[in-house]
Amino acid sequence: MISRFVILNARVKDSLCDEEIHFPPYDANQLRNILKQRAEKAFRDGILDGDTIPLCSAFSAEESGSARQALKLLYKAGDLA
């Protein structure tokens, strides 16, 4: 009898997990800090206007408090820039 082992990627294992973990929504200040950290690595100096990160964090905090949504807004802003 031949046994086969399948090694699953960590993302696949996470997707198959039945248990969900819920995080409380972030506030605008927390989102601003998250976006600043990402923007420092993602964009060259002078690409983003000074209001971009505060606006992305404020819109996301007001709507859902989701870091994922805030990052999508920042991505779109960078794409347009």
Protein backbone atom coordinates (compact mmCIF):
# COMPACT_ATOMS: atom_id res chain seq x y z
CA MET A 1 0.00 0.00 0.00
CA ILE A 2 1.39 3.37 -1.03
CA SER A 3 0.62 6.30 1.20
CA ARG A 4 0.74 9.79 -0.21
CA PHE A 5 1.37 12.86 1.83
CA VAL A 6 0.22 16.19 0.59
CA ILE A 7 2.01 19.20 1.98
CA LEU A 8 -0.28 22.20 1.95
CA ASN A 9 0.81 25.78 1.68
CA ALA A 10 0.16 27.85 4.83
CA ARG A 11 -2.37 30.00 2.94
CA VAL A 12 -4.30 26.91 1.88
CA LYS A 13 -4.33 25.62 5.45
CA ASP A 14 -5.63 28.98 6.66
CA SER A 15 -8.38 28.94 4.02
CA LEU A 16 -9.49 25.48 5.07
CA CYS A 17 -9.62 26.34 8.74
CA ASP A 18 -13.14 26.28 10.16
CA GLU A 19 -12.36 28.62 13.01
CA GLU A 20 -12.57 32.34 12.38
CA ILE A 21 -10.77 34.96 14.39
CA HIS A 22 -12.46 38.33 14.62
CA PHE A 23 -10.42 41.44 15.23
CA PRO A 24 -11.90 44.68 16.51
CA PRO A 25 -11.95 47.48 13.93
CA TYR A 26 -8.97 49.80 13.83
CA ASP A 27 -9.37 53.50 14.50
CA ALA A 28 -8.01 56.18 12.15
CA ASN A 29 -4.78 56.64 14.13
CA GLN A 30 -3.99 52.93 14.09
CA LEU A 31 -4.71 52.75 10.37
CA ARG A 32 -2.54 55.81 9.73
CA ASN A 33 0.39 54.10 11.47
CA ILE A 34 -0.12 50.92 9.45
CA LEU A 35 -0.28 52.86 6.18
CA LYS A 36 2.79 54.95 7.02
CA GLN A 37 4.83 51.80 7.57
CA ARG A 38 3.69 50.32 4.27
CA ALA A 39 4.09 53.58 2.32
CA GLU A 40 7.70 54.01 3.48
CA LYS A 41 8.58 50.73 1.80
CA ALA A 42 6.26 50.98 -1.19
CA PHE A 43 6.65 54.52 -2.49
CA ARG A 44 9.49 56.85 -3.34
CA ASP A 45 9.71 60.16 -1.50
CA GLY A 46 7.39 62.81 -2.87
CA ILE A 47 5.02 60.43 -4.65
CA LEU A 48 2.13 60.70 -2.20
CA ASP A 49 0.56 63.99 -1.20
CA GLY A 50 0.72 64.69 2.55
CA ASP A 51 -3.04 64.20 2.87
CA THR A 52 -3.18 60.80 1.18
CA ILE A 53 -2.46 58.58 4.18
CA PRO A 54 -4.71 60.53 6.61
CA LEU A 55 -7.56 60.44 4.07
CA CYS A 56 -7.20 56.72 3.36
CA SER A 57 -7.13 55.94 7.06
CA ALA A 58 -10.07 58.23 7.85
CA PHE A 59 -12.27 56.79 5.07
CA SER A 60 -11.48 53.24 6.08
CA ALA A 61 -11.98 53.90 9.82
CA GLU A 62 -15.32 55.55 9.15
CA GLU A 63 -16.59 52.76 6.93
CA SER A 64 -15.25 49.56 8.48
CA GLY A 65 -12.01 49.97 10.40
CA SER A 66 -10.43 47.44 8.06
CA ALA A 67 -6.68 47.61 7.46
CA ARG A 68 -7.21 45.65 4.25
CA GLN A 69 -9.60 48.31 2.94
CA ALA A 70 -7.20 51.09 3.95
CA LEU A 71 -4.36 49.36 2.13
CA LYS A 72 -6.53 48.99 -0.98
CA LEU A 73 -7.26 52.73 -0.90
CA LEU A 74 -3.55 53.50 -0.50
CA TYR A 75 -2.74 51.16 -3.37
CA LYS A 76 -5.27 52.89 -5.61
CA ALA A 77 -3.91 56.31 -4.62
CA GLY A 78 -0.39 55.18 -5.47
CA ASP A 79 -1.58 53.74 -8.76
CA LEU A 80 -3.18 57.06 -9.68
CA ALA A 81 -0.07 58.99 -8.58
